[in-house]
Amino acid sequence: MKWFDNWIVKRYNALRERGADICIPRDSIRKRGIRMSIIPAMGGTAVEFTTYDERKDRTDEHLYVIDDSKELGEEVAKIITVEMMRHG
């Protein structure tokens, strides 16, 4: 995917040189994105994912609990992978 990274960088630099607006409207991110919250809890950490499905007009929430005995970074990476596969 190196070619894609190079293409994005070239496109970004070309837009920036022209002074073009390169911002993404916040509303489009909020509708299609996945919101993640990490909440410290007694004995571990809670990780909550919230998504909005426009077609069904429904908000889905998934809550995961990570025990203190596990590596937080590794567990969050696994959870993100699962959520990305779910919402592809």
C-alpha atoms as a PDB file:
ATOM      1  CA  MET A   1       0.000   0.000   0.000  1.00  0.00           C
ATOM      2  CA  LYS A   2       3.038   2.264  -0.210  1.00  0.00           C
ATOM      3  CA  TRP A   3       1.790   3.579  -3.566  1.00  0.00           C
ATOM      4  CA  PHE A   4      -1.448   4.695  -1.900  1.00  0.00           C
ATOM      5  CA  ASP A   5       0.421   6.503   0.882  1.00  0.00           C
ATOM      6  CA  ASN A   6       2.548   8.303  -1.716  1.00  0.00           C
ATOM      7  CA  TRP A   7      -0.550   9.228  -3.736  1.00  0.00           C
ATOM      8  CA  ILE A   8      -2.265  10.687  -0.646  1.00  0.00           C
ATOM      9  CA  VAL A   9       0.811  12.732   0.290  1.00  0.00           C
ATOM     10  CA  LYS A  10       1.161  14.100  -3.255  1.00  0.00           C
ATOM     11  CA  ARG A  11      -2.537  14.980  -3.396  1.00  0.00           C
ATOM     12  CA  TYR A  12      -2.420  16.650   0.026  1.00  0.00           C
ATOM     13  CA  ASN A  13       0.665  18.706  -0.903  1.00  0.00           C
ATOM     14  CA  ALA A  14      -0.888  19.792  -4.208  1.00  0.00           C
ATOM     15  CA  LEU A  15      -4.066  20.949  -2.470  1.00  0.00           C
ATOM     16  CA  ARG A  16      -2.096  22.752   0.220  1.00  0.00           C
ATOM     17  CA  GLU A  17       0.038  24.590  -2.371  1.00  0.00           C
ATOM     18  CA  ARG A  18      -3.119  25.780  -4.150  1.00  0.00           C
ATOM     19  CA  GLY A  19      -4.547  26.962  -0.857  1.00  0.00           C
ATOM     20  CA  ALA A  20      -7.521  24.652  -1.243  1.00  0.00           C
ATOM     21  CA  ASP A  21      -9.636  23.690   1.727  1.00  0.00           C
ATOM     22  CA  ILE A  22      -8.459  20.263   2.861  1.00  0.00           C
ATOM     23  CA  CYS A  23     -10.708  19.903   5.889  1.00  0.00           C
ATOM     24  CA  ILE A  24     -13.357  17.230   6.212  1.00  0.00           C
ATOM     25  CA  PRO A  25     -16.722  18.494   7.475  1.00  0.00           C
ATOM     26  CA  ARG A  26     -17.165  17.411  11.080  1.00  0.00           C
ATOM     27  CA  ASP A  27     -20.743  16.225  10.468  1.00  0.00           C
ATOM     28  CA  SER A  28     -19.620  13.615   7.929  1.00  0.00           C
ATOM     29  CA  ILE A  29     -17.120  12.177  10.405  1.00  0.00           C
ATOM     30  CA  ARG A  30     -19.623  12.092  13.231  1.00  0.00           C
ATOM     31  CA  LYS A  31     -22.222  10.195  11.191  1.00  0.00           C
ATOM     32  CA  ARG A  32     -19.990   7.534   9.687  1.00  0.00           C
ATOM     33  CA  GLY A  33     -17.362   7.210  12.376  1.00  0.00           C
ATOM     34  CA  ILE A  34     -16.894   5.022  15.392  1.00  0.00           C
ATOM     35  CA  ARG A  35     -16.579   6.833  18.711  1.00  0.00           C
ATOM     36  CA  MET A  36     -14.406   5.178  21.349  1.00  0.00           C
ATOM     37  CA  SER A  37     -14.313   6.005  25.057  1.00  0.00           C
ATOM     38  CA  ILE A  38     -11.795   4.575  27.510  1.00  0.00           C
ATOM     39  CA  ILE A  39     -12.986   4.756  31.098  1.00  0.00           C
ATOM     40  CA  PRO A  40     -10.813   3.813  34.099  1.00  0.00           C
ATOM     41  CA  ALA A  41     -12.693   1.496  36.453  1.00  0.00           C
ATOM     42  CA  MET A  42     -11.993  -0.415  39.659  1.00  0.00           C
ATOM     43  CA  GLY A  43      -9.996  -3.508  38.749  1.00  0.00           C
ATOM     44  CA  GLY A  44      -9.626  -2.660  35.089  1.00  0.00           C
ATOM     45  CA  THR A  45     -10.667  -0.433  32.219  1.00  0.00           C
ATOM     46  CA  ALA A  46     -13.954  -0.116  30.339  1.00  0.00           C
ATOM     47  CA  VAL A  47     -13.831   0.522  26.589  1.00  0.00           C
ATOM     48  CA  GLU A  48     -17.042   1.688  24.917  1.00  0.00           C
ATOM     49  CA  PHE A  49     -17.685   1.954  21.178  1.00  0.00           C
ATOM     50  CA  THR A  50     -20.605   3.943  19.814  1.00  0.00           C
ATOM     51  CA  THR A  51     -21.717   3.937  16.173  1.00  0.00           C
ATOM     52  CA  TYR A  52     -24.690   5.442  14.373  1.00  0.00           C
ATOM     53  CA  ASP A  53     -26.433   3.562  11.562  1.00  0.00           C
ATOM     54  CA  GLU A  54     -28.185   6.059   9.272  1.00  0.00           C
ATOM     55  CA  ARG A  55     -30.166   3.402   7.412  1.00  0.00           C
ATOM     56  CA  LYS A  56     -31.723   2.015  10.583  1.00  0.00           C
ATOM     57  CA  ASP A  57     -31.650   5.364  12.447  1.00  0.00           C
ATOM     58  CA  ARG A  58     -30.144   3.550  15.396  1.00  0.00           C
ATOM     59  CA  THR A  59     -27.187   4.023  17.716  1.00  0.00           C
ATOM     60  CA  ASP A  60     -25.260   0.881  18.640  1.00  0.00           C
ATOM     61  CA  GLU A  61     -23.085   0.665  21.730  1.00  0.00           C
ATOM     62  CA  HIS A  62     -20.631  -2.069  22.672  1.00  0.00           C
ATOM     63  CA  LEU A  63     -18.918  -2.170  26.044  1.00  0.00           C
ATOM     64  CA  TYR A  64     -15.763  -4.171  26.755  1.00  0.00           C
ATOM     65  CA  VAL A  65     -14.076  -4.619  30.141  1.00  0.00           C
ATOM     66  CA  ILE A  66     -10.321  -5.177  30.319  1.00  0.00           C
ATOM     67  CA  ASP A  67      -8.978  -6.690  33.508  1.00  0.00           C
ATOM     68  CA  ASP A  68      -5.963  -5.004  35.155  1.00  0.00           C
ATOM     69  CA  SER A  69      -3.954  -8.218  34.742  1.00  0.00           C
ATOM     70  CA  LYS A  70      -3.978  -7.829  30.936  1.00  0.00           C
ATOM     71  CA  GLU A  71      -1.893  -5.445  28.800  1.00  0.00           C
ATOM     72  CA  LEU A  72      -4.189  -2.490  28.022  1.00  0.00           C
ATOM     73  CA  GLY A  73      -2.633  -1.592  24.657  1.00  0.00           C
ATOM     74  CA  GLU A  74      -2.802  -5.129  23.277  1.00  0.00           C
ATOM     75  CA  GLU A  75      -6.395  -5.603  24.409  1.00  0.00           C
ATOM     76  CA  VAL A  76      -7.529  -2.260  22.972  1.00  0.00           C
ATOM     77  CA  ALA A  77      -5.868  -3.164  19.655  1.00  0.00           C
ATOM     78  CA  LYS A  78      -7.791  -6.455  19.570  1.00  0.00           C
ATOM     79  CA  ILE A  79     -11.057  -4.686  20.367  1.00  0.00           C
ATOM     80  CA  ILE A  80     -10.491  -2.077  17.661  1.00  0.00           C
ATOM     81  CA  THR A  81      -9.848  -4.861  15.151  1.00  0.00           C
ATOM     82  CA  VAL A  82     -13.123  -6.565  16.093  1.00  0.00           C
ATOM     83  CA  GLU A  83     -15.074  -3.305  15.834  1.00  0.00           C
ATOM     84  CA  MET A  84     -13.537  -2.432  12.450  1.00  0.00           C
ATOM     85  CA  MET A  85     -14.465  -5.875  11.121  1.00  0.00           C
ATOM     86  CA  ARG A  86     -17.989  -5.460  12.471  1.00  0.00           C
ATOM     87  CA  HIS A  87     -18.506  -2.032  10.903  1.00  0.00           C
ATOM     88  CA  GLY A  88     -16.136  -2.495   7.942  1.00  0.00           C
END
